[in-house]
Amino acid sequence: MDSRTLRRHFVAGLLTGLRVVWPILSVLLGLIIALGLVVGLIEGWSVHESIYFAFVSGLTIGYGDLAPKSLLTRVLSIVIGVCGVLVTALLAAIAVRALTAATDRNEE
């Protein structure tokens, strides 16, 4: 099997996996955005800054340009981080499964 077919099988498996877990992914992404907006509202940030903070924290990048100051917003930031790790792990698991399925087809 050539690389083009392997890529096609991988993308098909990836899209199938995403279709299956889309409800979970959408809830996690919505939770990250909602919690980011709550943190931003309490801290006095704009909507853009709040969503930016949520995804930078959720992806565990954490540039430090926006930092929550109150205890409540720090706890919410931890929850954002946990949700972000779950999103990353879920996407990695789907990609590994799709790659495994594509390479198993390649061996046949």
PDB file of N, CA and C in Angstrom:
ATOM      1  N   MET A   1       0.852  -1.180   0.000  1.00  0.00           N
ATOM      2  CA  MET A   1       0.000   0.000   0.000  1.00  0.00           C
ATOM      3  C   MET A   1       0.895   1.239   0.000  1.00  0.00           C
ATOM      4  N   ASP A   2       0.570   2.192  -0.833  1.00  0.00           N
ATOM      5  CA  ASP A   2       1.387   3.395  -0.919  1.00  0.00           C
ATOM      6  C   ASP A   2       1.018   4.404   0.173  1.00  0.00           C
ATOM      7  N   SER A   3       1.818   5.455   0.278  1.00  0.00           N
ATOM      8  CA  SER A   3       1.619   6.440   1.352  1.00  0.00           C
ATOM      9  C   SER A   3       0.316   7.226   1.189  1.00  0.00           C
ATOM     10  N   ARG A   4      -0.118   7.423  -0.042  1.00  0.00           N
ATOM     11  CA  ARG A   4      -1.367   8.151  -0.271  1.00  0.00           C
ATOM     12  C   ARG A   4      -2.554   7.361   0.293  1.00  0.00           C
ATOM     13  N   THR A   5      -2.572   6.078   0.067  1.00  0.00           N
ATOM     14  CA  THR A   5      -3.645   5.235   0.593  1.00  0.00           C
ATOM     15  C   THR A   5      -3.571   5.166   2.118  1.00  0.00           C
ATOM     16  N   LEU A   6      -2.371   5.071   2.654  1.00  0.00           N
ATOM     17  CA  LEU A   6      -2.186   5.055   4.103  1.00  0.00           C
ATOM     18  C   LEU A   6      -2.733   6.337   4.730  1.00  0.00           C
ATOM     19  N   ARG A   7      -2.404   7.471   4.119  1.00  0.00           N
ATOM     20  CA  ARG A   7      -2.931   8.762   4.606  1.00  0.00           C
ATOM     21  C   ARG A   7      -4.445   8.801   4.524  1.00  0.00           C
ATOM     22  N   ARG A   8      -4.997   8.292   3.440  1.00  0.00           N
ATOM     23  CA  ARG A   8      -6.446   8.287   3.263  1.00  0.00           C
ATOM     24  C   ARG A   8      -7.120   7.446   4.349  1.00  0.00           C
ATOM     25  N   HIS A   9      -6.547   6.291   4.649  1.00  0.00           N
ATOM     26  CA  HIS A   9      -7.100   5.443   5.705  1.00  0.00           C
ATOM     27  C   HIS A   9      -6.962   6.108   7.078  1.00  0.00           C
ATOM     28  N   PHE A  10      -5.835   6.790   7.314  1.00  0.00           N
ATOM     29  CA  PHE A  10      -5.640   7.481   8.584  1.00  0.00           C
ATOM     30  C   PHE A  10      -6.673   8.592   8.762  1.00  0.00           C
ATOM     31  N   VAL A  11      -6.858   9.402   7.736  1.00  0.00           N
ATOM     32  CA  VAL A  11      -7.831  10.502   7.829  1.00  0.00           C
ATOM     33  C   VAL A  11      -9.240   9.962   8.011  1.00  0.00           C
ATOM     34  N   ALA A  12      -9.569   8.888   7.314  1.00  0.00           N
ATOM     35  CA  ALA A  12     -10.899   8.281   7.474  1.00  0.00           C
ATOM     36  C   ALA A  12     -11.093   7.788   8.903  1.00  0.00           C
ATOM     37  N   GLY A  13     -10.080   7.136   9.461  1.00  0.00           N
ATOM     38  CA  GLY A  13     -10.163   6.675  10.843  1.00  0.00           C
ATOM     39  C   GLY A  13     -10.231   7.814  11.834  1.00  0.00           C
ATOM     40  N   LEU A  14      -9.488   8.883  11.563  1.00  0.00           N
ATOM     41  CA  LEU A  14      -9.512  10.060  12.434  1.00  0.00           C
ATOM     42  C   LEU A  14     -10.886  10.713  12.429  1.00  0.00           C
ATOM     43  N   LEU A  15     -11.468  10.884  11.265  1.00  0.00           N
ATOM     44  CA  LEU A  15     -12.796  11.492  11.172  1.00  0.00           C
ATOM     45  C   LEU A  15     -13.866  10.612  11.813  1.00  0.00           C
ATOM     46  N   THR A  16     -13.735   9.297  11.660  1.00  0.00           N
ATOM     47  CA  THR A  16     -14.683   8.380  12.304  1.00  0.00           C
ATOM     48  C   THR A  16     -14.574   8.488  13.820  1.00  0.00           C
ATOM     49  N   GLY A  17     -13.356   8.519  14.321  1.00  0.00           N
ATOM     50  CA  GLY A  17     -13.150   8.660  15.760  1.00  0.00           C
ATOM     51  C   GLY A  17     -13.679   9.977  16.286  1.00  0.00           C
ATOM     52  N   LEU A  18     -13.447  11.049  15.551  1.00  0.00           N
ATOM     53  CA  LEU A  18     -13.959  12.364  15.967  1.00  0.00           C
ATOM     54  C   LEU A  18     -15.481  12.387  15.967  1.00  0.00           C
ATOM     55  N   ARG A  19     -16.085  11.717  15.006  1.00  0.00           N
ATOM     56  CA  ARG A  19     -17.545  11.658  14.954  1.00  0.00           C
ATOM     57  C   ARG A  19     -18.106  10.938  16.178  1.00  0.00           C
ATOM     58  N   VAL A  20     -17.393   9.915  16.643  1.00  0.00           N
ATOM     59  CA  VAL A  20     -17.855   9.142  17.791  1.00  0.00           C
ATOM     60  C   VAL A  20     -17.741   9.950  19.086  1.00  0.00           C
ATOM     61  N   VAL A  21     -16.632  10.647  19.274  1.00  0.00           N
ATOM     62  CA  VAL A  21     -16.405  11.357  20.546  1.00  0.00           C
ATOM     63  C   VAL A  21     -16.771  12.840  20.474  1.00  0.00           C
ATOM     64  N   TRP A  22     -17.368  13.271  19.377  1.00  0.00           N
ATOM     65  CA  TRP A  22     -17.700  14.685  19.235  1.00  0.00           C
ATOM     66  C   TRP A  22     -18.550  15.235  20.384  1.00  0.00           C
ATOM     67  N   PRO A  23     -19.536  14.497  20.889  1.00  0.00           N
ATOM     68  CA  PRO A  23     -20.295  15.046  22.029  1.00  0.00           C
ATOM     69  C   PRO A  23     -19.410  15.332  23.248  1.00  0.00           C
ATOM     70  N   ILE A  24     -18.484  14.437  23.534  1.00  0.00           N
ATOM     71  CA  ILE A  24     -17.594  14.648  24.672  1.00  0.00           C
ATOM     72  C   ILE A  24     -16.664  15.823  24.409  1.00  0.00           C
ATOM     73  N   LEU A  25     -16.095  15.882  23.206  1.00  0.00           N
ATOM     74  CA  LEU A  25     -15.210  16.991  22.855  1.00  0.00           C
ATOM     75  C   LEU A  25     -15.928  18.333  22.912  1.00  0.00           C
ATOM     76  N   SER A  26     -17.132  18.382  22.403  1.00  0.00           N
ATOM     77  CA  SER A  26     -17.854  19.650  22.389  1.00  0.00           C
ATOM     78  C   SER A  26     -18.201  20.103  23.804  1.00  0.00           C
ATOM     79  N   VAL A  27     -18.537  19.163  24.688  1.00  0.00           N
ATOM     80  CA  VAL A  27     -18.816  19.530  26.085  1.00  0.00           C
ATOM     81  C   VAL A  27     -17.550  20.061  26.745  1.00  0.00           C
ATOM     82  N   LEU A  28     -16.427  19.389  26.528  1.00  0.00           N
ATOM     83  CA  LEU A  28     -15.178  19.842  27.134  1.00  0.00           C
ATOM     84  C   LEU A  28     -14.758  21.218  26.604  1.00  0.00           C
ATOM     85  N   LEU A  29     -14.859  21.423  25.302  1.00  0.00           N
ATOM     86  CA  LEU A  29     -14.501  22.731  24.725  1.00  0.00           C
ATOM     87  C   LEU A  29     -15.457  23.826  25.206  1.00  0.00           C
ATOM     88  N   GLY A  30     -16.750  23.491  25.283  1.00  0.00           N
ATOM     89  CA  GLY A  30     -17.711  24.467  25.807  1.00  0.00           C
ATOM     90  C   GLY A  30     -17.446  24.803  27.255  1.00  0.00           C
ATOM     91  N   LEU A  31     -17.061  23.803  28.042  1.00  0.00           N
ATOM     92  CA  LEU A  31     -16.736  24.025  29.443  1.00  0.00           C
ATOM     93  C   LEU A  31     -15.499  24.902  29.586  1.00  0.00           C
ATOM     94  N   ILE A  32     -14.500  24.682  28.749  1.00  0.00           N
ATOM     95  CA  ILE A  32     -13.295  25.518  28.782  1.00  0.00           C
ATOM     96  C   ILE A  32     -13.659  26.970  28.483  1.00  0.00           C
ATOM     97  N   ILE A  33     -14.466  27.185  27.455  1.00  0.00           N
ATOM     98  CA  ILE A  33     -14.855  28.553  27.096  1.00  0.00           C
ATOM     99  C   ILE A  33     -15.697  29.186  28.196  1.00  0.00           C
ATOM    100  N   ALA A  34     -16.684  28.449  28.715  1.00  0.00           N
ATOM    101  CA  ALA A  34     -17.564  28.992  29.746  1.00  0.00           C
ATOM    102  C   ALA A  34     -16.782  29.345  31.013  1.00  0.00           C
ATOM    103  N   LEU A  35     -15.909  28.445  31.442  1.00  0.00           N
ATOM    104  CA  LEU A  35     -15.112  28.736  32.637  1.00  0.00           C
ATOM    105  C   LEU A  35     -14.157  29.903  32.401  1.00  0.00           C
ATOM    106  N   GLY A  36     -13.621  29.979  31.190  1.00  0.00           N
ATOM    107  CA  GLY A  36     -12.762  31.118  30.857  1.00  0.00           C
ATOM    108  C   GLY A  36     -13.518  32.433  30.926  1.00  0.00           C
ATOM    109  N   LEU A  37     -14.757  32.425  30.456  1.00  0.00           N
ATOM    110  CA  LEU A  37     -15.576  33.641  30.528  1.00  0.00           C
ATOM    111  C   LEU A  37     -15.911  34.008  31.970  1.00  0.00           C
ATOM    112  N   VAL A  38     -16.162  32.999  32.799  1.00  0.00           N
ATOM    113  CA  VAL A  38     -16.438  33.269  34.215  1.00  0.00           C
ATOM    114  C   VAL A  38     -15.202  33.864  34.889  1.00  0.00           C
ATOM    115  N   VAL A  39     -14.050  33.272  34.629  1.00  0.00           N
ATOM    116  CA  VAL A  39     -12.806  33.806  35.203  1.00  0.00           C
ATOM    117  C   VAL A  39     -12.588  35.235  34.723  1.00  0.00           C
ATOM    118  N   GLY A  40     -12.793  35.470  33.435  1.00  0.00           N
ATOM    119  CA  GLY A  40     -12.606  36.812  32.884  1.00  0.00           C
ATOM    120  C   GLY A  40     -13.580  37.820  33.449  1.00  0.00           C
ATOM    121  N   LEU A  41     -14.807  37.400  33.678  1.00  0.00           N
ATOM    122  CA  LEU A  41     -15.808  38.301  34.259  1.00  0.00           C
ATOM    123  C   LEU A  41     -15.403  38.706  35.674  1.00  0.00           C
ATOM    124  N   ILE A  42     -14.971  37.737  36.458  1.00  0.00           N
ATOM    125  CA  ILE A  42     -14.560  38.026  37.834  1.00  0.00           C
ATOM    126  C   ILE A  42     -13.297  38.889  37.858  1.00  0.00           C
ATOM    127  N   GLU A  43     -12.354  38.603  36.955  1.00  0.00           N
ATOM    128  CA  GLU A  43     -11.085  39.333  36.930  1.00  0.00           C
ATOM    129  C   GLU A  43     -11.171  40.667  36.180  1.00  0.00           C
ATOM    130  N   GLY A  44     -12.278  40.901  35.474  1.00  0.00           N
ATOM    131  CA  GLY A  44     -12.428  42.161  34.741  1.00  0.00           C
ATOM    132  C   GLY A  44     -11.751  42.173  33.391  1.00  0.00           C
ATOM    133  N   TRP A  45     -11.605  41.025  32.761  1.00  0.00           N
ATOM    134  CA  TRP A  45     -10.981  40.928  31.453  1.00  0.00           C
ATOM    135  C   TRP A  45     -12.042  41.020  30.366  1.00  0.00           C
ATOM    136  N   SER A  46     -11.603  41.318  29.145  1.00  0.00           N
ATOM    137  CA  SER A  46     -12.527  41.333  28.010  1.00  0.00           C
ATOM    138  C   SER A  46     -12.855  39.895  27.607  1.00  0.00           C
ATOM    139  N   VAL A  47     -13.855  39.749  26.753  1.00  0.00           N
ATOM    140  CA  VAL A  47     -14.240  38.421  26.275  1.00  0.00           C
ATOM    141  C   VAL A  47     -13.075  37.773  25.520  1.00  0.00           C
ATOM    142  N   HIS A  48     -12.414  38.560  24.683  1.00  0.00           N
ATOM    143  CA  HIS A  48     -11.271  38.050  23.918  1.00  0.00           C
ATOM    144  C   HIS A  48     -10.168  37.570  24.856  1.00  0.00           C
ATOM    145  N   GLU A  49      -9.836  38.361  25.854  1.00  0.00           N
ATOM    146  CA  GLU A  49      -8.803  37.977  26.811  1.00  0.00           C
ATOM    147  C   GLU A  49      -9.206  36.726  27.601  1.00  0.00           C
ATOM    148  N   SER A  50     -10.488  36.629  27.932  1.00  0.00           N
ATOM    149  CA  SER A  50     -10.981  35.493  28.704  1.00  0.00           C
ATOM    150  C   SER A  50     -10.863  34.189  27.925  1.00  0.00           C
ATOM    151  N   ILE A  51     -11.265  34.209  26.666  1.00  0.00           N
ATOM    152  CA  ILE A  51     -11.179  33.008  25.837  1.00  0.00           C
ATOM    153  C   ILE A  51      -9.722  32.666  25.549  1.00  0.00           C
ATOM    154  N   TYR A  52      -8.922  33.682  25.301  1.00  0.00           N
ATOM    155  CA  TYR A  52      -7.482  33.482  25.100  1.00  0.00           C
ATOM    156  C   TYR A  52      -6.869  32.824  26.335  1.00  0.00           C
ATOM    157  N   PHE A  53      -7.184  33.349  27.516  1.00  0.00           N
ATOM    158  CA  PHE A  53      -6.670  32.781  28.761  1.00  0.00           C
ATOM    159  C   PHE A  53      -7.117  31.335  28.923  1.00  0.00           C
ATOM    160  N   ALA A  54      -8.379  31.039  28.609  1.00  0.00           N
ATOM    161  CA  ALA A  54      -8.908  29.688  28.778  1.00  0.00           C
ATOM    162  C   ALA A  54      -8.147  28.692  27.909  1.00  0.00           C
ATOM    163  N   PHE A  55      -7.903  29.025  26.659  1.00  0.00           N
ATOM    164  CA  PHE A  55      -7.231  28.068  25.787  1.00  0.00           C
ATOM    165  C   PHE A  55      -5.730  27.995  26.043  1.00  0.00           C
ATOM    166  N   VAL A  56      -5.114  29.104  26.411  1.00  0.00           N
ATOM    167  CA  VAL A  56      -3.694  29.057  26.764  1.00  0.00           C
ATOM    168  C   VAL A  56      -3.503  28.238  28.036  1.00  0.00           C
ATOM    169  N   SER A  57      -4.402  28.374  28.980  1.00  0.00           N
ATOM    170  CA  SER A  57      -4.330  27.572  30.206  1.00  0.00           C
ATOM    171  C   SER A  57      -4.721  26.125  29.940  1.00  0.00           C
ATOM    172  N   GLY A  58      -5.772  25.919  29.145  1.00  0.00           N
ATOM    173  CA  GLY A  58      -6.242  24.574  28.849  1.00  0.00           C
ATOM    174  C   GLY A  58      -5.223  23.746  28.083  1.00  0.00           C
ATOM    175  N   LEU A  59      -4.470  24.385  27.230  1.00  0.00           N
ATOM    176  CA  LEU A  59      -3.434  23.672  26.487  1.00  0.00           C
ATOM    177  C   LEU A  59      -2.125  23.609  27.272  1.00  0.00           C
ATOM    178  N   THR A  60      -2.167  24.050  28.519  1.00  0.00           N
ATOM    179  CA  THR A  60      -1.043  24.062  29.460  1.00  0.00           C
ATOM    180  C   THR A  60       0.166  24.826  28.934  1.00  0.00           C
ATOM    181  N   ILE A  61      -0.080  25.835  28.115  1.00  0.00           N
ATOM    182  CA  ILE A  61       1.005  26.691  27.647  1.00  0.00           C
ATOM    183  C   ILE A  61       1.318  27.713  28.729  1.00  0.00           C
ATOM    184  N   GLY A  62       0.301  28.451  29.166  1.00  0.00           N
ATOM    185  CA  GLY A  62       0.431  29.376  30.277  1.00  0.00           C
ATOM    186  C   GLY A  62       1.512  30.424  30.109  1.00  0.00           C
ATOM    187  N   TYR A  63       1.297  31.372  29.231  1.00  0.00           N
ATOM    188  CA  TYR A  63       2.298  32.412  29.001  1.00  0.00           C
ATOM    189  C   TYR A  63       2.516  33.300  30.222  1.00  0.00           C
ATOM    190  N   GLY A  64       1.501  33.468  31.052  1.00  0.00           N
ATOM    191  CA  GLY A  64       1.649  34.292  32.244  1.00  0.00           C
ATOM    192  C   GLY A  64       1.274  35.744  32.045  1.00  0.00           C
ATOM    193  N   ASP A  65       0.849  36.117  30.848  1.00  0.00           N
ATOM    194  CA  ASP A  65       0.455  37.506  30.616  1.00  0.00           C
ATOM    195  C   ASP A  65      -0.875  37.829  31.290  1.00  0.00           C
ATOM    196  N   LEU A  66      -1.725  36.834  31.459  1.00  0.00           N
ATOM    197  CA  LEU A  66      -2.965  36.979  32.221  1.00  0.00           C
ATOM    198  C   LEU A  66      -2.920  35.956  33.350  1.00  0.00           C
ATOM    199  N   ALA A  67      -3.076  36.439  34.557  1.00  0.00           N
ATOM    200  CA  ALA A  67      -3.022  35.523  35.704  1.00  0.00           C
ATOM    201  C   ALA A  67      -4.163  35.860  36.655  1.00  0.00           C
ATOM    202  N   PRO A  68      -4.954  34.858  37.034  1.00  0.00           N
ATOM    203  CA  PRO A  68      -6.043  35.096  37.989  1.00  0.00           C
ATOM    204  C   PRO A  68      -5.480  35.410  39.369  1.00  0.00           C
ATOM    205  N   LYS A  69      -6.181  36.276  40.075  1.00  0.00           N
ATOM    206  CA  LYS A  69      -5.679  36.726  41.370  1.00  0.00           C
ATOM    207  C   LYS A  69      -6.468  36.178  42.552  1.00  0.00           C
ATOM    208  N   SER A  70      -7.757  35.973  42.391  1.00  0.00           N
ATOM    209  CA  SER A  70      -8.559  35.500  43.528  1.00  0.00           C
ATOM    210  C   SER A  70      -8.506  33.978  43.617  1.00  0.00           C
ATOM    211  N   LEU A  71      -8.830  33.455  44.784  1.00  0.00           N
ATOM    212  CA  LEU A  71      -8.804  32.013  45.005  1.00  0.00           C
ATOM    213  C   LEU A  71      -9.797  31.292  44.095  1.00  0.00           C
ATOM    214  N   LEU A  72     -10.995  31.838  43.946  1.00  0.00           N
ATOM    215  CA  LEU A  72     -12.011  31.207  43.112  1.00  0.00           C
ATOM    216  C   LEU A  72     -11.549  31.096  41.662  1.00  0.00           C
ATOM    217  N   THR A  73     -11.003  32.162  41.121  1.00  0.00           N
ATOM    218  CA  THR A  73     -10.572  32.122  39.724  1.00  0.00           C
ATOM    219  C   THR A  73      -9.357  31.216  39.536  1.00  0.00           C
ATOM    220  N   ARG A  74      -8.538  31.080  40.549  1.00  0.00           N
ATOM    221  CA  ARG A  74      -7.415  30.142  40.457  1.00  0.00           C
ATOM    222  C   ARG A  74      -7.914  28.706  40.439  1.00  0.00           C
ATOM    223  N   VAL A  75      -8.908  28.414  41.251  1.00  0.00           N
ATOM    224  CA  VAL A  75      -9.487  27.064  41.256  1.00  0.00           C
ATOM    225  C   VAL A  75     -10.154  26.775  39.908  1.00  0.00           C
ATOM    226  N   LEU A  76     -10.882  27.746  39.382  1.00  0.00           N
ATOM    227  CA  LEU A  76     -11.504  27.568  38.065  1.00  0.00           C
ATOM    228  C   LEU A  76     -10.448  27.366  36.985  1.00  0.00           C
ATOM    229  N   SER A  77      -9.321  28.011  37.128  1.00  0.00           N
ATOM    230  CA  SER A  77      -8.227  27.839  36.168  1.00  0.00           C
ATOM    231  C   SER A  77      -7.666  26.434  36.212  1.00  0.00           C
ATOM    232  N   ILE A  78      -7.631  25.841  37.394  1.00  0.00           N
ATOM    233  CA  ILE A  78      -7.190  24.452  37.509  1.00  0.00           C
ATOM    234  C   ILE A  78      -8.169  23.532  36.778  1.00  0.00           C
ATOM    235  N   VAL A  79      -9.454  23.799  36.935  1.00  0.00           N
ATOM    236  CA  VAL A  79     -10.474  22.999  36.235  1.00  0.00           C
ATOM    237  C   VAL A  79     -10.318  23.158  34.722  1.00  0.00           C
ATOM    238  N   ILE A  80     -10.026  24.377  34.266  1.00  0.00           N
ATOM    239  CA  ILE A  80      -9.771  24.611  32.841  1.00  0.00           C
ATOM    240  C   ILE A  80      -8.583  23.771  32.382  1.00  0.00           C
ATOM    241  N   GLY A  81      -7.535  23.735  33.168  1.00  0.00           N
ATOM    242  CA  GLY A  81      -6.356  22.942  32.827  1.00  0.00           C
ATOM    243  C   GLY A  81      -6.662  21.460  32.728  1.00  0.00           C
ATOM    244  N   VAL A  82      -7.446  20.944  33.667  1.00  0.00           N
ATOM    245  CA  VAL A  82      -7.821  19.526  33.628  1.00  0.00           C
ATOM    246  C   VAL A  82      -8.652  19.222  32.376  1.00  0.00           C
ATOM    247  N   CYS A  83      -9.587  20.091  32.051  1.00  0.00           N
ATOM    248  CA  CYS A  83     -10.391  19.904  30.832  1.00  0.00           C
ATOM    249  C   CYS A  83      -9.508  19.939  29.594  1.00  0.00           C
ATOM    250  N   GLY A  84      -8.538  20.832  29.578  1.00  0.00           N
ATOM    251  CA  GLY A  84      -7.620  20.914  28.443  1.00  0.00           C
ATOM    252  C   GLY A  84      -6.779  19.666  28.282  1.00  0.00           C
ATOM    253  N   VAL A  85      -6.324  19.111  29.393  1.00  0.00           N
ATOM    254  CA  VAL A  85      -5.554  17.862  29.330  1.00  0.00           C
ATOM    255  C   VAL A  85      -6.437  16.726  28.813  1.00  0.00           C
ATOM    256  N   LEU A  86      -7.697  16.698  29.227  1.00  0.00           N
ATOM    257  CA  LEU A  86      -8.620  15.675  28.736  1.00  0.00           C
ATOM    258  C   LEU A  86      -8.852  15.802  27.234  1.00  0.00           C
ATOM    259  N   VAL A  87      -8.998  17.027  26.743  1.00  0.00           N
ATOM    260  CA  VAL A  87      -9.173  17.246  25.301  1.00  0.00           C
ATOM    261  C   VAL A  87      -7.939  16.761  24.545  1.00  0.00           C
ATOM    262  N   THR A  88      -6.769  17.133  25.037  1.00  0.00           N
ATOM    263  CA  THR A  88      -5.529  16.722  24.375  1.00  0.00           C
ATOM    264  C   THR A  88      -5.381  15.205  24.377  1.00  0.00           C
ATOM    265  N   ALA A  89      -5.666  14.579  25.511  1.00  0.00           N
ATOM    266  CA  ALA A  89      -5.547  13.121  25.606  1.00  0.00           C
ATOM    267  C   ALA A  89      -6.544  12.420  24.682  1.00  0.00           C
ATOM    268  N   LEU A  90      -7.746  12.944  24.618  1.00  0.00           N
ATOM    269  CA  LEU A  90      -8.771  12.350  23.763  1.00  0.00           C
ATOM    270  C   LEU A  90      -8.380  12.441  22.291  1.00  0.00           C
ATOM    271  N   LEU A  91      -7.883  13.592  21.874  1.00  0.00           N
ATOM    272  CA  LEU A  91      -7.454  13.752  20.484  1.00  0.00           C
ATOM    273  C   LEU A  91      -6.253  12.866  20.165  1.00  0.00           C
ATOM    274  N   ALA A  92      -5.325  12.746  21.109  1.00  0.00           N
ATOM    275  CA  ALA A  92      -4.160  11.882  20.889  1.00  0.00           C
ATOM    276  C   ALA A  92      -4.596  10.421  20.782  1.00  0.00           C
ATOM    277  N   ALA A  93      -5.529  10.007  21.622  1.00  0.00           N
ATOM    278  CA  ALA A  93      -6.007   8.625  21.581  1.00  0.00           C
ATOM    279  C   ALA A  93      -6.694   8.319  20.253  1.00  0.00           C
ATOM    280  N   ILE A  94      -7.475   9.254  19.759  1.00  0.00           N
ATOM    281  CA  ILE A  94      -8.150   9.061  18.470  1.00  0.00           C
ATOM    282  C   ILE A  94      -7.125   8.956  17.350  1.00  0.00           C
ATOM    283  N   ALA A  95      -6.108   9.826  17.391  1.00  0.00           N
ATOM    284  CA  ALA A  95      -5.081   9.803  16.350  1.00  0.00           C
ATOM    285  C   ALA A  95      -4.281   8.502  16.384  1.00  0.00           C
ATOM    286  N   VAL A  96      -3.942   8.017  17.572  1.00  0.00           N
ATOM    287  CA  VAL A  96      -3.202   6.759  17.681  1.00  0.00           C
ATOM    288  C   VAL A  96      -4.043   5.594  17.167  1.00  0.00           C
ATOM    289  N   ARG A  97      -5.309   5.595  17.532  1.00  0.00           N
ATOM    290  CA  ARG A  97      -6.196   4.517  17.064  1.00  0.00           C
ATOM    291  C   ARG A  97      -6.327   4.544  15.536  1.00  0.00           C
ATOM    292  N   ALA A  98      -6.474   5.731  14.969  1.00  0.00           N
ATOM    293  CA  ALA A  98      -6.587   5.846  13.515  1.00  0.00           C
ATOM    294  C   ALA A  98      -5.298   5.413  12.835  1.00  0.00           C
ATOM    295  N   LEU A  99      -4.168   5.767  13.400  1.00  0.00           N
ATOM    296  CA  LEU A  99      -2.883   5.383  12.814  1.00  0.00           C
ATOM    297  C   LEU A  99      -2.677   3.869  12.916  1.00  0.00           C
ATOM    298  N   THR A 100      -3.044   3.298  14.052  1.00  0.00           N
ATOM    299  CA  THR A 100      -2.932   1.853  14.213  1.00  0.00           C
ATOM    300  C   THR A 100      -3.814   1.120  13.220  1.00  0.00           C
ATOM    301  N   ALA A 101      -5.054   1.587  13.062  1.00  0.00           N
ATOM    302  CA  ALA A 101      -5.960   0.947  12.111  1.00  0.00           C
ATOM    303  C   ALA A 101      -5.444   1.085  10.679  1.00  0.00           C
ATOM    304  N   ALA A 102      -4.893   2.257  10.351  1.00  0.00           N
ATOM    305  CA  ALA A 102      -4.379   2.471   8.997  1.00  0.00           C
ATOM    306  C   ALA A 102      -3.172   1.592   8.711  1.00  0.00           C
ATOM    307  N   THR A 103      -2.294   1.440   9.690  1.00  0.00           N
ATOM    308  CA  THR A 103      -1.105   0.606   9.463  1.00  0.00           C
ATOM    309  C   THR A 103      -1.457  -0.872   9.483  1.00  0.00           C
ATOM    310  N   ASP A 104      -2.479  -1.270  10.255  1.00  0.00           N
ATOM    311  CA  ASP A 104      -2.939  -2.666  10.224  1.00  0.00           C
ATOM    312  C   ASP A 104      -3.493  -3.009   8.850  1.00  0.00           C
ATOM    313  N   ARG A 105      -4.196  -2.089   8.240  1.00  0.00           N
ATOM    314  CA  ARG A 105      -4.695  -2.314   6.870  1.00  0.00           C
ATOM    315  C   ARG A 105      -3.541  -2.421   5.895  1.00  0.00           C
ATOM    316  N   ASN A 106      -2.477  -1.674   6.175  1.00  0.00           N
ATOM    317  CA  ASN A 106      -1.303  -1.671   5.306  1.00  0.00           C
ATOM    318  C   ASN A 106      -0.621  -3.034   5.313  1.00  0.00           C
ATOM    319  N   GLU A 107      -0.656  -3.731   6.455  1.00  0.00           N
ATOM    320  CA  GLU A 107       0.016  -5.021   6.568  1.00  0.00           C
ATOM    321  C   GLU A 107      -0.765  -6.133   5.876  1.00  0.00           C
ATOM    322  N   GLU A 108      -2.052  -5.945   5.666  1.00  0.00           N
ATOM    323  CA  GLU A 108      -2.880  -6.988   5.044  1.00  0.00           C
ATOM    324  C   GLU A 108      -2.592  -7.174   3.581  1.00  0.00           C
TER     325      GLU A 108
END
